[in-house]
Amino acid sequence: QLSAADLVVLNKTDLVGAAAVERVTALVREELPPSVK
């Protein structure tokens, strides 16, 4: 689902802290080309 993405929305970020958002951002970034926001 990430490999087909043109845009990734990290949803429910209000339910976690900033550190968790950073971890998930790094996780999805591993599957995405730099052009995908």
Full PDB file with SEQRES, HELIX, SHEET, SSBOND, CRYST1, ORIGX, SCALE, CONECT and MASTER records, all heavy atoms in Angstrom:
SEQRES   1 A   37  GLN LEU SER ALA ALA ASP LEU VAL VAL LEU ASN LYS THR          
SEQRES   2 A   37  ASP LEU VAL GLY ALA ALA ALA VAL GLU ARG VAL THR ALA          
SEQRES   3 A   37  LEU VAL ARG GLU GLU LEU PRO PRO SER VAL LYS                  
HELIX    1 AA1 THR A   13  LEU A   15  5                                   3    
HELIX    2 AA2 ALA A   18  ARG A   29  1                                  12    
CRYST1    1.000    1.000    1.000  90.00  90.00  90.00 P 1           1          
ORIGX1      1.000000  0.000000  0.000000        0.00000                         
ORIGX2      0.000000  1.000000  0.000000        0.00000                         
ORIGX3      0.000000  0.000000  1.000000        0.00000                         
SCALE1      1.000000  0.000000  0.000000        0.00000                         
SCALE2      0.000000  1.000000  0.000000        0.00000                         
SCALE3      0.000000  0.000000  1.000000        0.00000                         
ATOM      1  N   GLN A   1       0.830  -1.201   0.000  1.00  0.00           N  
ATOM      2  CA  GLN A   1       0.000   0.000   0.000  1.00  0.00           C  
ATOM      3  C   GLN A   1       0.869   1.257   0.000  1.00  0.00           C  
ATOM      4  O   GLN A   1       0.501   2.279  -0.577  1.00  0.00           O  
ATOM      5  CB  GLN A   1      -0.946  -0.016   1.196  1.00  0.00           C  
ATOM      6  CG  GLN A   1      -2.045  -1.076   1.060  1.00  0.00           C  
ATOM      7  CD  GLN A   1      -2.925  -1.199   2.286  1.00  0.00           C  
ATOM      8  OE1 GLN A   1      -2.554  -0.743   3.367  1.00  0.00           O  
ATOM      9  NE2 GLN A   1      -4.081  -1.818   2.138  1.00  0.00           N  
ATOM     10  N   LEU A   2       2.034   1.179   0.618  1.00  0.00           N  
ATOM     11  CA  LEU A   2       2.960   2.313   0.588  1.00  0.00           C  
ATOM     12  C   LEU A   2       3.648   2.439  -0.769  1.00  0.00           C  
ATOM     13  O   LEU A   2       3.886   3.552  -1.249  1.00  0.00           O  
ATOM     14  CB  LEU A   2       4.019   2.161   1.687  1.00  0.00           C  
ATOM     15  CG  LEU A   2       3.563   2.416   3.119  1.00  0.00           C  
ATOM     16  CD1 LEU A   2       4.677   2.061   4.104  1.00  0.00           C  
ATOM     17  CD2 LEU A   2       3.140   3.873   3.312  1.00  0.00           C  
ATOM     18  N   SER A   3       3.950   1.304  -1.393  1.00  0.00           N  
ATOM     19  CA  SER A   3       4.701   1.357  -2.651  1.00  0.00           C  
ATOM     20  C   SER A   3       3.923   2.054  -3.758  1.00  0.00           C  
ATOM     21  O   SER A   3       4.514   2.585  -4.696  1.00  0.00           O  
ATOM     22  CB  SER A   3       5.080  -0.064  -3.098  1.00  0.00           C  
ATOM     23  OG  SER A   3       3.940  -0.784  -3.544  1.00  0.00           O  
ATOM     24  N   ALA A   4       2.598   2.060  -3.660  1.00  0.00           N  
ATOM     25  CA  ALA A   4       1.774   2.707  -4.687  1.00  0.00           C  
ATOM     26  C   ALA A   4       1.484   4.169  -4.374  1.00  0.00           C  
ATOM     27  O   ALA A   4       0.876   4.866  -5.189  1.00  0.00           O  
ATOM     28  CB  ALA A   4       0.457   1.952  -4.843  1.00  0.00           C  
ATOM     29  N   ALA A   5       1.928   4.645  -3.223  1.00  0.00           N  
ATOM     30  CA  ALA A   5       1.498   5.962  -2.738  1.00  0.00           C  
ATOM     31  C   ALA A   5       2.145   7.115  -3.491  1.00  0.00           C  
ATOM     32  O   ALA A   5       3.328   7.087  -3.833  1.00  0.00           O  
ATOM     33  CB  ALA A   5       1.809   6.088  -1.248  1.00  0.00           C  
ATOM     34  N   ASP A   6       1.348   8.153  -3.727  1.00  0.00           N  
ATOM     35  CA  ASP A   6       1.851   9.451  -4.165  1.00  0.00           C  
ATOM     36  C   ASP A   6       1.870  10.425  -2.997  1.00  0.00           C  
ATOM     37  O   ASP A   6       2.555  11.436  -3.025  1.00  0.00           O  
ATOM     38  CB  ASP A   6       0.959  10.016  -5.272  1.00  0.00           C  
ATOM     39  CG  ASP A   6       0.945   9.133  -6.502  1.00  0.00           C  
ATOM     40  OD1 ASP A   6       2.014   8.907  -7.083  1.00  0.00           O  
ATOM     41  OD2 ASP A   6      -0.143   8.645  -6.873  1.00  0.00           O  
ATOM     42  N   LEU A   7       1.074  10.116  -1.979  1.00  0.00           N  
ATOM     43  CA  LEU A   7       1.012  10.910  -0.754  1.00  0.00           C  
ATOM     44  C   LEU A   7       0.695   9.958   0.387  1.00  0.00           C  
ATOM     45  O   LEU A   7      -0.189   9.111   0.258  1.00  0.00           O  
ATOM     46  CB  LEU A   7      -0.076  11.979  -0.857  1.00  0.00           C  
ATOM     47  CG  LEU A   7      -0.363  12.807   0.407  1.00  0.00           C  
ATOM     48  CD1 LEU A   7       0.797  13.757   0.685  1.00  0.00           C  
ATOM     49  CD2 LEU A   7      -1.674  13.588   0.269  1.00  0.00           C  
ATOM     50  N   VAL A   8       1.407  10.091   1.498  1.00  0.00           N  
ATOM     51  CA  VAL A   8       1.149   9.264   2.679  1.00  0.00           C  
ATOM     52  C   VAL A   8       0.629  10.168   3.796  1.00  0.00           C  
ATOM     53  O   VAL A   8       1.244  11.186   4.117  1.00  0.00           O  
ATOM     54  CB  VAL A   8       2.414   8.518   3.144  1.00  0.00           C  
ATOM     55  CG1 VAL A   8       2.155   7.779   4.460  1.00  0.00           C  
ATOM     56  CG2 VAL A   8       2.872   7.528   2.074  1.00  0.00           C  
ATOM     57  N   VAL A   9      -0.509   9.777   4.352  1.00  0.00           N  
ATOM     58  CA  VAL A   9      -1.104  10.511   5.459  1.00  0.00           C  
ATOM     59  C   VAL A   9      -0.903   9.707   6.737  1.00  0.00           C  
ATOM     60  O   VAL A   9      -1.443   8.606   6.882  1.00  0.00           O  
ATOM     61  CB  VAL A   9      -2.610  10.763   5.231  1.00  0.00           C  
ATOM     62  CG1 VAL A   9      -3.220  11.437   6.456  1.00  0.00           C  
ATOM     63  CG2 VAL A   9      -2.828  11.596   3.982  1.00  0.00           C  
ATOM     64  N   LEU A  10      -0.094  10.230   7.642  1.00  0.00           N  
ATOM     65  CA  LEU A  10       0.046   9.607   8.965  1.00  0.00           C  
ATOM     66  C   LEU A  10      -1.134  10.085   9.803  1.00  0.00           C  
ATOM     67  O   LEU A  10      -1.142  11.224  10.282  1.00  0.00           O  
ATOM     68  CB  LEU A  10       1.364   9.995   9.624  1.00  0.00           C  
ATOM     69  CG  LEU A  10       2.650   9.629   8.888  1.00  0.00           C  
ATOM     70  CD1 LEU A  10       3.859   9.938   9.769  1.00  0.00           C  
ATOM     71  CD2 LEU A  10       2.661   8.167   8.474  1.00  0.00           C  
ATOM     72  N   ASN A  11      -2.125   9.223   9.948  1.00  0.00           N  
ATOM     73  CA  ASN A  11      -3.354   9.604  10.623  1.00  0.00           C  
ATOM     74  C   ASN A  11      -3.277   9.280  12.118  1.00  0.00           C  
ATOM     75  O   ASN A  11      -2.434   8.501  12.559  1.00  0.00           O  
ATOM     76  CB  ASN A  11      -4.533   8.875   9.979  1.00  0.00           C  
ATOM     77  CG  ASN A  11      -5.857   9.534  10.278  1.00  0.00           C  
ATOM     78  OD1 ASN A  11      -5.928  10.734  10.554  1.00  0.00           O  
ATOM     79  ND2 ASN A  11      -6.921   8.758  10.253  1.00  0.00           N  
ATOM     80  N   LYS A  12      -4.155   9.886  12.885  1.00  0.00           N  
ATOM     81  CA  LYS A  12      -4.271   9.653  14.331  1.00  0.00           C  
ATOM     82  C   LYS A  12      -3.013  10.071  15.088  1.00  0.00           C  
ATOM     83  O   LYS A  12      -2.681   9.498  16.133  1.00  0.00           O  
ATOM     84  CB  LYS A  12      -4.598   8.191  14.626  1.00  0.00           C  
ATOM     85  CG  LYS A  12      -5.804   7.655  13.862  1.00  0.00           C  
ATOM     86  CD  LYS A  12      -6.074   6.195  14.177  1.00  0.00           C  
ATOM     87  CE  LYS A  12      -7.196   5.642  13.311  1.00  0.00           C  
ATOM     88  NZ  LYS A  12      -7.449   4.219  13.557  1.00  0.00           N  
ATOM     89  N   THR A  13      -2.304  11.065  14.565  1.00  0.00           N  
ATOM     90  CA  THR A  13      -1.081  11.506  15.250  1.00  0.00           C  
ATOM     91  C   THR A  13      -1.396  12.174  16.580  1.00  0.00           C  
ATOM     92  O   THR A  13      -0.499  12.333  17.422  1.00  0.00           O  
ATOM     93  CB  THR A  13      -0.282  12.481  14.364  1.00  0.00           C  
ATOM     94  OG1 THR A  13      -1.144  13.550  13.947  1.00  0.00           O  
ATOM     95  CG2 THR A  13       0.268  11.772  13.133  1.00  0.00           C  
ATOM     96  N   ASP A  14      -2.668  12.546  16.784  1.00  0.00           N  
ATOM     97  CA  ASP A  14      -3.054  13.136  18.063  1.00  0.00           C  
ATOM     98  C   ASP A  14      -3.086  12.100  19.183  1.00  0.00           C  
ATOM     99  O   ASP A  14      -3.173  12.464  20.362  1.00  0.00           O  
ATOM    100  CB  ASP A  14      -4.426  13.803  17.940  1.00  0.00           C  
ATOM    101  CG  ASP A  14      -5.495  12.855  17.416  1.00  0.00           C  
ATOM    102  OD1 ASP A  14      -5.209  12.078  16.476  1.00  0.00           O  
ATOM    103  OD2 ASP A  14      -6.634  12.878  17.940  1.00  0.00           O  
ATOM    104  N   LEU A  15      -3.014  10.809  18.816  1.00  0.00           N  
ATOM    105  CA  LEU A  15      -3.079   9.745  19.819  1.00  0.00           C  
ATOM    106  C   LEU A  15      -1.697   9.279  20.279  1.00  0.00           C  
ATOM    107  O   LEU A  15      -1.603   8.408  21.144  1.00  0.00           O  
ATOM    108  CB  LEU A  15      -3.857   8.547  19.255  1.00  0.00           C  
ATOM    109  CG  LEU A  15      -5.288   8.839  18.784  1.00  0.00           C  
ATOM    110  CD1 LEU A  15      -5.939   7.567  18.272  1.00  0.00           C  
ATOM    111  CD2 LEU A  15      -6.119   9.453  19.915  1.00  0.00           C  
ATOM    112  N   VAL A  16      -0.636   9.842  19.715  1.00  0.00           N  
ATOM    113  CA  VAL A  16       0.727   9.446  20.086  1.00  0.00           C  
ATOM    114  C   VAL A  16       1.580  10.693  20.289  1.00  0.00           C  
ATOM    115  O   VAL A  16       1.177  11.798  19.940  1.00  0.00           O  
ATOM    116  CB  VAL A  16       1.375   8.541  19.005  1.00  0.00           C  
ATOM    117  CG1 VAL A  16       0.607   7.244  18.849  1.00  0.00           C  
ATOM    118  CG2 VAL A  16       1.454   9.271  17.670  1.00  0.00           C  
ATOM    119  N   GLY A  17       2.772  10.486  20.842  1.00  0.00           N  
ATOM    120  CA  GLY A  17       3.691  11.597  21.058  1.00  0.00           C  
ATOM    121  C   GLY A  17       4.570  11.873  19.856  1.00  0.00           C  
ATOM    122  O   GLY A  17       4.557  11.145  18.859  1.00  0.00           O  
ATOM    123  N   ALA A  18       5.358  12.923  19.957  1.00  0.00           N  
ATOM    124  CA  ALA A  18       6.223  13.346  18.851  1.00  0.00           C  
ATOM    125  C   ALA A  18       7.238  12.264  18.492  1.00  0.00           C  
ATOM    126  O   ALA A  18       7.563  12.074  17.307  1.00  0.00           O  
ATOM    127  CB  ALA A  18       6.942  14.646  19.227  1.00  0.00           C  
ATOM    128  N   ALA A  19       7.755  11.551  19.501  1.00  0.00           N  
ATOM    129  CA  ALA A  19       8.749  10.510  19.225  1.00  0.00           C  
ATOM    130  C   ALA A  19       8.153   9.396  18.380  1.00  0.00           C  
ATOM    131  O   ALA A  19       8.806   8.865  17.465  1.00  0.00           O  
ATOM    132  CB  ALA A  19       9.294   9.951  20.534  1.00  0.00           C  
ATOM    133  N   ALA A  20       6.907   9.030  18.660  1.00  0.00           N  
ATOM    134  CA  ALA A  20       6.241   7.984  17.884  1.00  0.00           C  
ATOM    135  C   ALA A  20       6.027   8.428  16.445  1.00  0.00           C  
ATOM    136  O   ALA A  20       6.209   7.646  15.509  1.00  0.00           O  
ATOM    137  CB  ALA A  20       4.910   7.616  18.528  1.00  0.00           C  
ATOM    138  N   VAL A  21       5.659   9.683  16.266  1.00  0.00           N  
ATOM    139  CA  VAL A  21       5.468  10.202  14.905  1.00  0.00           C  
ATOM    140  C   VAL A  21       6.784  10.142  14.135  1.00  0.00           C  
ATOM    141  O   VAL A  21       6.814   9.775  12.954  1.00  0.00           O  
ATOM    142  CB  VAL A  21       4.923  11.640  14.947  1.00  0.00           C  
ATOM    143  CG1 VAL A  21       4.891  12.241  13.543  1.00  0.00           C  
ATOM    144  CG2 VAL A  21       3.529  11.669  15.558  1.00  0.00           C  
ATOM    145  N   GLU A  22       7.866  10.473  14.800  1.00  0.00           N  
ATOM    146  CA  GLU A  22       9.182  10.404  14.148  1.00  0.00           C  
ATOM    147  C   GLU A  22       9.526   8.975  13.758  1.00  0.00           C  
ATOM    148  O   GLU A  22      10.047   8.723  12.660  1.00  0.00           O  
ATOM    149  CB  GLU A  22      10.259  10.967  15.076  1.00  0.00           C  
ATOM    150  CG  GLU A  22      10.199  12.475  15.243  1.00  0.00           C  
ATOM    151  CD  GLU A  22      11.342  12.987  16.109  1.00  0.00           C  
ATOM    152  OE1 GLU A  22      12.293  12.197  16.358  1.00  0.00           O  
ATOM    153  OE2 GLU A  22      11.286  14.144  16.539  1.00  0.00           O  
ATOM    154  N   ARG A  23       9.234   8.024  14.636  1.00  0.00           N  
ATOM    155  CA  ARG A  23       9.540   6.618  14.332  1.00  0.00           C  
ATOM    156  C   ARG A  23       8.728   6.130  13.134  1.00  0.00           C  
ATOM    157  O   ARG A  23       9.256   5.448  12.249  1.00  0.00           O  
ATOM    158  CB  ARG A  23       9.257   5.740  15.551  1.00  0.00           C  
ATOM    159  CG  ARG A  23      10.248   5.892  16.692  1.00  0.00           C  
ATOM    160  CD  ARG A  23      10.069   4.809  17.748  1.00  0.00           C  
ATOM    161  NE  ARG A  23       8.783   4.919  18.447  1.00  0.00           N  
ATOM    162  CZ  ARG A  23       8.614   5.615  19.575  1.00  0.00           C  
ATOM    163  NH1 ARG A  23       9.621   6.272  20.115  1.00  0.00           N  
ATOM    164  NH2 ARG A  23       7.430   5.641  20.171  1.00  0.00           N  
ATOM    165  N   VAL A  24       7.442   6.454  13.105  1.00  0.00           N  
ATOM    166  CA  VAL A  24       6.599   5.991  12.005  1.00  0.00           C  
ATOM    167  C   VAL A  24       6.989   6.690  10.704  1.00  0.00           C  
ATOM    168  O   VAL A  24       6.989   6.075   9.630  1.00  0.00           O  
ATOM    169  CB  VAL A  24       5.108   6.217  12.330  1.00  0.00           C  
ATOM    170  CG1 VAL A  24       4.235   5.845  11.145  1.00  0.00           C  
ATOM    171  CG2 VAL A  24       4.720   5.397  13.552  1.00  0.00           C  
ATOM    172  N   THR A  25       7.333   7.962  10.790  1.00  0.00           N  
ATOM    173  CA  THR A  25       7.801   8.667   9.592  1.00  0.00           C  
ATOM    174  C   THR A  25       9.034   7.976   9.014  1.00  0.00           C  
ATOM    175  O   THR A  25       9.129   7.754   7.800  1.00  0.00           O  
ATOM    176  CB  THR A  25       8.128  10.135   9.926  1.00  0.00           C  
ATOM    177  OG1 THR A  25       6.957  10.777  10.437  1.00  0.00           O  
ATOM    178  CG2 THR A  25       8.605  10.877   8.693  1.00  0.00           C  
ATOM    179  N   ALA A  26       9.968   7.620   9.873  1.00  0.00           N  
ATOM    180  CA  ALA A  26      11.172   6.924   9.409  1.00  0.00           C  
ATOM    181  C   ALA A  26      10.819   5.559   8.829  1.00  0.00           C  
ATOM    182  O   ALA A  26      11.401   5.128   7.823  1.00  0.00           O  
ATOM    183  CB  ALA A  26      12.162   6.773  10.569  1.00  0.00           C  
ATOM    184  N   LEU A  27       9.850   4.882   9.445  1.00  0.00           N  
ATOM    185  CA  LEU A  27       9.428   3.563   8.972  1.00  0.00           C  
ATOM    186  C   LEU A  27       8.860   3.636   7.558  1.00  0.00           C  
ATOM    187  O   LEU A  27       9.255   2.856   6.686  1.00  0.00           O  
ATOM    188  CB  LEU A  27       8.376   3.002   9.931  1.00  0.00           C  
ATOM    189  CG  LEU A  27       7.726   1.678   9.527  1.00  0.00           C  
ATOM    190  CD1 LEU A  27       8.713   0.537   9.658  1.00  0.00           C  
ATOM    191  CD2 LEU A  27       6.489   1.416  10.388  1.00  0.00           C  
ATOM    192  N   VAL A  28       7.946   4.561   7.328  1.00  0.00           N  
ATOM    193  CA  VAL A  28       7.332   4.633   5.998  1.00  0.00           C  
ATOM    194  C   VAL A  28       8.304   5.199   4.974  1.00  0.00           C  
ATOM    195  O   VAL A  28       8.244   4.839   3.785  1.00  0.00           O  
ATOM    196  CB  VAL A  28       6.020   5.455   6.026  1.00  0.00           C  
ATOM    197  CG1 VAL A  28       5.020   4.827   6.977  1.00  0.00           C  
ATOM    198  CG2 VAL A  28       6.255   6.904   6.376  1.00  0.00           C  
ATOM    199  N   ARG A  29       9.202   6.065   5.411  1.00  0.00           N  
ATOM    200  CA  ARG A  29      10.181   6.638   4.487  1.00  0.00           C  
ATOM    201  C   ARG A  29      11.056   5.546   3.847  1.00  0.00           C  
ATOM    202  O   ARG A  29      11.508   5.693   2.701  1.00  0.00           O  
ATOM    203  CB  ARG A  29      11.072   7.648   5.211  1.00  0.00           C  
ATOM    204  CG  ARG A  29      10.524   9.053   5.175  1.00  0.00           C  
ATOM    205  CD  ARG A  29      10.826   9.702   3.838  1.00  0.00           C  
ATOM    206  NE  ARG A  29       9.992  10.877   3.599  1.00  0.00           N  
ATOM    207  CZ  ARG A  29       9.399  11.147   2.457  1.00  0.00           C  
ATOM    208  NH1 ARG A  29       9.482  10.298   1.447  1.00  0.00           N  
ATOM    209  NH2 ARG A  29       8.705  12.232   2.284  1.00  0.00           N  
ATOM    210  N   GLU A  30      11.274   4.462   4.562  1.00  0.00           N  
ATOM    211  CA  GLU A  30      12.081   3.360   4.020  1.00  0.00           C  
ATOM    212  C   GLU A  30      11.429   2.744   2.789  1.00  0.00           C  
ATOM    213  O   GLU A  30      12.106   2.139   1.963  1.00  0.00           O  
ATOM    214  CB  GLU A  30      12.274   2.276   5.081  1.00  0.00           C  
ATOM    215  CG  GLU A  30      13.119   2.711   6.266  1.00  0.00           C  
ATOM    216  CD  GLU A  30      13.222   1.612   7.312  1.00  0.00           C  
ATOM    217  OE1 GLU A  30      12.673   0.511   7.060  1.00  0.00           O  
ATOM    218  OE2 GLU A  30      13.837   1.855   8.365  1.00  0.00           O  
ATOM    219  N   GLU A  31      10.103   2.888   2.662  1.00  0.00           N  
ATOM    220  CA  GLU A  31       9.372   2.278   1.556  1.00  0.00           C  
ATOM    221  C   GLU A  31       9.048   3.269   0.444  1.00  0.00           C  
ATOM    222  O   GLU A  31       8.433   2.888  -0.556  1.00  0.00           O  
ATOM    223  CB  GLU A  31       8.048   1.680   2.077  1.00  0.00           C  
ATOM    224  CG  GLU A  31       8.191   0.746   3.257  1.00  0.00           C  
ATOM    225  CD  GLU A  31       8.991  -0.502   2.931  1.00  0.00           C  
ATOM    226  OE1 GLU A  31       8.967  -0.919   1.753  1.00  0.00           O  
ATOM    227  OE2 GLU A  31       9.637  -1.045   3.847  1.00  0.00           O  
ATOM    228  N   LEU A  32       9.468   4.518   0.585  1.00  0.00           N  
ATOM    229  CA  LEU A  32       9.035   5.563  -0.334  1.00  0.00           C  
ATOM    230  C   LEU A  32      10.202   6.238  -1.038  1.00  0.00           C  
ATOM    231  O   LEU A  32      11.273   6.419  -0.450  1.00  0.00           O  
ATOM    232  CB  LEU A  32       8.257   6.645   0.433  1.00  0.00           C  
ATOM    233  CG  LEU A  32       7.015   6.222   1.217  1.00  0.00           C  
ATOM    234  CD1 LEU A  32       6.525   7.397   2.057  1.00  0.00           C  
ATOM    235  CD2 LEU A  32       5.938   5.738   0.271  1.00  0.00           C  
ATOM    236  N   PRO A  33      10.002   6.650  -2.290  1.00  0.00           N  
ATOM    237  CA  PRO A  33      10.999   7.517  -2.932  1.00  0.00           C  
ATOM    238  C   PRO A  33      10.920   8.909  -2.334  1.00  0.00           C  
ATOM    239  O   PRO A  33       9.895   9.301  -1.758  1.00  0.00           O  
ATOM    240  CB  PRO A  33      10.562   7.520  -4.403  1.00  0.00           C  
ATOM    241  CG  PRO A  33       9.118   7.181  -4.381  1.00  0.00           C  
ATOM    242  CD  PRO A  33       8.912   6.275  -3.204  1.00  0.00           C  
ATOM    243  N   PRO A  34      11.991   9.692  -2.445  1.00  0.00           N  
ATOM    244  CA  PRO A  34      12.010  11.025  -1.824  1.00  0.00           C  
ATOM    245  C   PRO A  34      10.902  11.949  -2.316  1.00  0.00           C  
ATOM    246  O   PRO A  34      10.497  12.868  -1.601  1.00  0.00           O  
ATOM    247  CB  PRO A  34      13.387  11.569  -2.227  1.00  0.00           C  
ATOM    248  CG  PRO A  34      14.212  10.352  -2.516  1.00  0.00           C  
ATOM    249  CD  PRO A  34      13.277   9.340  -3.078  1.00  0.00           C  
ATOM    250  N   SER A  35      10.388  11.712  -3.508  1.00  0.00           N  
ATOM    251  CA  SER A  35       9.378  12.610  -4.075  1.00  0.00           C  
ATOM    252  C   SER A  35       8.009  12.480  -3.416  1.00  0.00           C  
ATOM    253  O   SER A  35       7.161  13.359  -3.587  1.00  0.00           O  
ATOM    254  CB  SER A  35       9.226  12.342  -5.575  1.00  0.00           C  
ATOM    255  OG  SER A  35       8.838  10.991  -5.806  1.00  0.00           O  
ATOM    256  N   VAL A  36       7.781  11.401  -2.674  1.00  0.00           N  
ATOM    257  CA  VAL A  36       6.480  11.188  -2.041  1.00  0.00           C  
ATOM    258  C   VAL A  36       6.443  11.918  -0.699  1.00  0.00           C  
ATOM    259  O   VAL A  36       7.266  11.669   0.179  1.00  0.00           O  
ATOM    260  CB  VAL A  36       6.196   9.682  -1.838  1.00  0.00           C  
ATOM    261  CG1 VAL A  36       4.881   9.482  -1.090  1.00  0.00           C  
ATOM    262  CG2 VAL A  36       6.147   8.978  -3.185  1.00  0.00           C  
ATOM    263  N   LYS A  37       5.483  12.791  -0.575  1.00  0.00           N  
ATOM    264  CA  LYS A  37       5.362  13.596   0.644  1.00  0.00           C  
ATOM    265  C   LYS A  37       4.650  12.797   1.734  1.00  0.00           C  
ATOM    266  O   LYS A  37       3.717  12.039   1.462  1.00  0.00           O  
ATOM    267  CB  LYS A  37       4.601  14.886   0.359  1.00  0.00           C  
ATOM    268  CG  LYS A  37       4.462  15.825   1.558  1.00  0.00           C  
ATOM    269  CD  LYS A  37       3.683  17.076   1.227  1.00  0.00           C  
ATOM    270  CE  LYS A  37       4.441  17.975   0.289  1.00  0.00           C  
ATOM    271  NZ  LYS A  37       3.746  19.284   0.111  1.00  0.00           N  
TER     272      LYS A  37                                                      
MASTER        0    0    0    2    0    0    0    6  271    1    0    3          
END                                                                             
